[in-house]
Every structure is written in C-alpha cells, then in structure tokens.
Amino acid sequence: MKGDPTSYFPSIEKKYGRPIQEWQDLIRSAELTKHMELVNWLKSEHGLGHGHAFALVAHTLANPI
C-alpha cells in the first residue's frame, strides 16, 4: 500500500458507518494477530473491502496502545 493508511479513514467511516476507533478496538480484541489473518477476517466477517481492511489493520498494528 502506498501512502498513509489514514487517508482511507474518511471513506471507511462513510461507507461502513462506524468510527475508526471502533474498528481499531475490534481489531485489537480479535484473537487473530497476523496482518493478513486480520485483513481476511474483516473482509469475511464484517464485509470490508480489501483496501479498507488492509489500511485499518496496517495502521492499528503499527500504532499499538
């Protein structure tokens, strides 16, 4: 992915109707830990597109609490 994953955040919030913090909390609470496992989980269980799921996971894993 080129650029800053946060550039996707406004369109993610608009398309899926949830704030980014809620997605990040969901990712952090998942039992999965690997990047692509989390991406595939968001796609299959929550209906996100690949780019949106990838951006959320990349940013969340790069910025742990």
Protein backbone atom coordinates (compact mmCIF):
# COMPACT_ATOMS: atom_id res chain seq x y z
CA MET A 1 0.00 0.00 0.00
CA LYS A 2 1.39 3.36 -0.94
CA GLY A 3 0.94 6.41 1.22
CA ASP A 4 -0.67 6.87 4.58
CA PRO A 5 -3.34 4.33 5.59
CA THR A 6 -5.21 7.09 7.42
CA SER A 7 -6.08 8.66 4.07
CA TYR A 8 -8.66 5.86 3.75
CA PHE A 9 -10.29 6.60 7.11
CA PRO A 10 -12.94 9.15 5.98
CA SER A 11 -14.22 6.82 3.26
CA ILE A 12 -14.17 3.83 5.65
CA GLU A 13 -16.29 5.70 8.19
CA LYS A 14 -18.70 6.89 5.49
CA LYS A 15 -19.07 3.51 3.77
CA TYR A 16 -19.35 1.27 6.83
CA GLY A 17 -20.94 3.67 9.33
CA ARG A 18 -18.57 3.02 12.21
CA PRO A 19 -15.88 5.31 13.62
CA ILE A 20 -12.25 4.31 13.11
CA GLN A 21 -11.74 3.86 16.85
CA GLU A 22 -14.45 1.21 16.87
CA TRP A 23 -12.71 -0.69 14.06
CA GLN A 24 -9.38 -0.43 15.88
CA ASP A 25 -10.92 -1.71 19.11
CA LEU A 26 -12.41 -4.62 17.17
CA ILE A 27 -9.04 -5.45 15.60
CA ARG A 28 -7.26 -5.25 18.95
CA SER A 29 -9.83 -7.50 20.61
CA ALA A 30 -9.64 -10.17 17.90
CA GLU A 31 -7.91 -13.43 18.74
CA LEU A 32 -6.02 -13.19 15.45
CA THR A 33 -2.65 -11.44 15.45
CA LYS A 34 -1.21 -11.72 11.94
CA HIS A 35 -1.79 -8.93 9.47
CA MET A 36 -3.37 -10.92 6.65
CA GLU A 37 -5.43 -13.05 9.04
CA LEU A 38 -6.95 -9.85 10.40
CA VAL A 39 -7.49 -8.43 6.90
CA ASN A 40 -9.26 -11.60 5.77
CA TRP A 41 -11.34 -11.65 8.96
CA LEU A 42 -12.52 -8.07 8.43
CA LYS A 43 -13.42 -8.92 4.85
CA SER A 44 -15.28 -12.15 5.61
CA GLU A 45 -16.92 -11.29 8.92
CA HIS A 46 -17.53 -7.57 8.52
CA GLY A 47 -17.83 -7.06 4.76
CA LEU A 48 -14.93 -4.66 4.31
CA GLY A 49 -13.18 -4.31 1.00
CA HIS A 50 -9.55 -5.42 0.81
CA GLY A 51 -8.01 -1.94 0.69
CA HIS A 52 -10.06 -0.67 3.61
CA ALA A 53 -9.33 -3.74 5.73
CA PHE A 54 -5.63 -3.56 4.85
CA ALA A 55 -5.43 0.12 5.80
CA LEU A 56 -7.18 -0.40 9.14
CA VAL A 57 -5.01 -3.37 10.09
CA ALA A 58 -1.77 -1.72 8.96
CA HIS A 59 -2.44 1.43 10.96
CA THR A 60 -3.73 -0.42 14.03
CA LEU A 61 -0.78 -2.83 14.22
CA ALA A 62 1.72 -0.02 13.64
CA ASN A 63 0.20 2.05 16.47
CA PRO A 64 -0.41 -0.20 19.47
CA ILE A 65 -1.88 1.36 22.58
